[in-house]
Amino acid sequence: MVLRSCCKFGPVLVWFRLGYVALLWLCVTHLRCARAETKTVVQKDAEFDVTYNDTVTSDNQTIYAFNHTVSRNKTEGVRVTVDVLSEGAESSPILFVVRQKQAVLSFQVPLILRGLYQRKYPYAHVGRTLCQPPTRTLTETQYFFVDVSTLSSLGTQYQLRISRVDSFTLHTDKKFSFTASPSQPQYFKYVFPDGVDTVIVKVNSEMTFPCSVMSIQDIQCPVYDLDNNVAFIGMYQTMTKTAAITVQRKDFPSNSFYVVVVVKTEDEACGGPLRFYPLRPDELIDAGNRSKTLDVVVSPAINSDVYVMGMLFCLGIFLSFYLLTFLVACVENKRMHRRREGLLNPADMSPAETASLLGKPGVTPVSPYEYGSFADNASTLSSEAITDSIASDGNYGYMGQETLKRRPFLTAIHHVAIRIERSLESVTGRSRQESLSSIEEDDYDTLADIDSDKNIVRTKKYLCVSDLARKDKRVLSKKYQIYFWNIATIGVFYALPVIQLVITYQTVVNVTGNQDICYYNFLCAHPLGNLSAFNNILSNLGYVMLGLLFLLIVLQRDIIHSRALDRNDLNALECGIPKHFGLFYAMGTALMMEGLLSACYHVCPNYTNFQFDTSFMYMIAGLCVLKLYQKRHPDINASAYTAYACLAAVIFFSVLGVVFGKGNMVFWIVFSVIHILATMLLSTQLYYMGRWRLDSGILRRIVYVIYTDCIRQCSSPMYIDRMVLLVMGNIVNWSLAAYGLLKTPNDFASYLLAIAICNLLLYFAFYIIMKLRSGERIQCMAIVCILFTAVVWGFALFFFFQGLSTWQKTPAESREHNRDCIVLSFFDDHDIWHFLSSIAMFGSFLVLLTMDDDLDDVQRDKIFVF
């Protein structure tokens, strides 16, 4: 019965308890409201440039009312300065709220700013500039209020001062100095004058630290002027001593903008030291004195006329090389025309001289019948055919034999006779138009007797070019053409994603405004469209234009040589260095790709995409070494597949070095070991002309050679010249490996490029020395190219080492190296490096193309291999 009664009154008890709780809540709320009604609110009419000392508690709130006249033609800044005088205010800070007509600014004092790893820095002295709302009338009186409150029950003393900023508006080309700190940022207004569409804002300081940020923001409220929000809108960049941002009128509809300067709470972003970790998570750290004195100046940037002049200057320089090439071709054609006239008018040649000349060794006598036939029909002979037979593929060189120097007419008779004889032989011989696919290089290498013959020939003490030019010319031509097609394919597949990536980089820079992403020379970075540094991209045009010009020169030589082969010309078939143009085509293509990828790199140069600028530099260095080696070793030069596989391995290590090489000793040890082993293997391959095997018995053979040649008897190397080159090469490469292991340079890509260039220069110097040592000559054209190229390389390297920026440092530190433009107010030192290096590379290619023209009339069995 009792249990049934409890169940009956249970719901009533629950409702009674809920009502009791509600009543309690209403009582508490009433008490709070009654207490709040006791809080005193005091409003004071305040004036500018007056310091107000007051105390605030949780029981009172002070409102300061200000008014000032705003003119549409004159902009004055208003600055609020606050100091907290009481100790221990960090636990209960004072809240300041500035209420304006179209904006509200609030901040607490002490101001707590956060750094890395949640470090907290309190600032008791705070200064803020009020955002200026636009006015529609000529003059207007505006009111604003400063509310001061706190939740601290204890009295907190403070100072408040409102003042006008007379120099709030910046003027063109007028420097203005000011001081800023993390709690006292500064910003100023700039209005584009009539006729000026682009300006460059420069902020400088004599002090490296504290680190600061310069920001360009549109005229709108609020202005983001604290370390924790300055990156929210606009363009910004960190700075130590200098910063520069190019601003265009089209990006700001109001034709004006704010220049905001903020000092950061820590210096780590600018490469400075990082402060110690706090002992407790909520511990406040004294930041010390972080005031910084800076100068700001806004200068007009270049106009459209300078852009046009810069583009015309760039085009004019490189088109002049086309004009110079055309003039040289005209002069050469005129010289050949005069020679042709001399061949067709041999009136000054006596019969005795003819008989004496024909009796000299090395000249094949011509039968009287053939001579008479030629003399009777001299007027009907094709002068072009005679000229081509003399100068096919070598019409720029000296004639190496005395016969060609003294009696060009009889030389022509001799060539005509040889041509007739070979034409008769070709009727019964195999046609030269047989398909290239019917003969493969491996057809010669798989026969045992040919292999034995290679072992005999290639291990002779003194080799001639004829010993290493025994394979079918069509097969080798096909083999070396693969170099061109492969690099063209590589270039397309490499360039397309690179272009896509750098466009994405530029888009990110334009959208986020973070100009620390790209390492420009900001003092000479001229935008065009969405590109931030058009001048650095334009200056790469030389690589493309001169690469194309080199391809045209090579094509002209290739055509002349092909015509000579079709005529069975004696010089083309049996004299001179064998002509294979595939590597030359690959070099020209690589130079054009270097220009394209360097331009892509300079769209947004930084640490991650530097490999775009260096990949084809490795290609060019490797192709030049291969071309030098191919000149006298045409049969045993590396195939395109092997060469590009090795270059791909180099680029692979370049990527690993960029990603993992910085300060990683394990990586440097592994790379140095691989570098030394690769040097030794390549040295063995070159010394024995490929006639050795890397198998399980290699160590036994090495020990045997050391025992027989060094211990049992001291024998000199069989190939002394090769040994000298390889010893020097090993010294250079071992030294570079030791340098990398000891110094561990941060710029691994440049270190790898230095290895390639050092080896190329060493081999080139060896080639020139051995060429002169063998009694060969360097023709006038090649000498001019060598001297010109050396001088241009010297000037180019001077501008390269100016170092206008470096991604090995922070963006702020990199900007310390920025410099103004030096040519036409458009191009900087690095642009001049682009101009000169493209010309120097073009000259280097011409040296490789012309340096052996003196051998075009020398039998191949008289040209030494080295």
Foldseek 3Di string as FASTA:
>chain_A
DVVVVCVVCVVVVVVVVVVVVVVVVVVVVVVVVVQLVQAAEAEEEDDAPDKDKDKAAQRYKYKYKYKDKDFQVDDKKKKKKKAWDDPPCPVKWKKKWKFWPPAIDIATAQGWDADPPRATATHRIAMDIAADDHDDDRMDMIMMMIMIHIHHRDIIIMMIHMHMHRPQEADAQDKDKDKAAQRYKDKHKYADDPPFFKKKKKKFFPFQDDKKKKFKAARDPDQPAHPVCNLVDGAMEIARGMDMDMDGQVVYVVRMIMIIMHGDLHRVLFVDDDDDDDPDSPDHDHSPDRMGMMMMHMYGADDVVLVVVLLCVLVVVQVVVVVVVVVVVVVLVVVLVVVLVCLLDVPPDDPVNVVVLCPDPPAPDDDPVLVVVCNVCVVVDDSVVLSLLVAQLQSVADAQDPCCVPPVNVVSSRQVVVLVVVVVVCVPDDDPPPDLVVDELVVQVPDPVSVVVLLVQLPDLWHFLCSQPPDDLSNLLVQLLVLLVVLVVVLVVVLVVLLVVLVVVLVCCVVSSYLLQFQDLSQFADDDDSFGRVLQLSLLVLLQSLLVVQLVVLVVSVVSLVVCVVSVRPLSPFWFFPDHCSLSSSLSVLSNSLSSLSSSCNSGPALQSVLSNQLSLLVNLLSLVLLLQCRRNVNLGDTSVVSVVVSVVLSVLLNCCSVPLQVDLVSLVVVLVVLLVVLVVVLVCVLSVNPDDDDPCPVVVVVVCCCVCPPVHPDDDSHVLSVVLSVVLSVVSNVLSVCCNVVSDNNVSVSSSVNSVVNSVSVVVSSVVVCVVLVHDFGPVLVVLVVVLVVLVVLLVVLVVLQQADNVGRSNVRNVSRDFDDPSSNHRSVSSSSNSVSVSSSSVSVNSSRRRSNTSNPGRSSHIRD
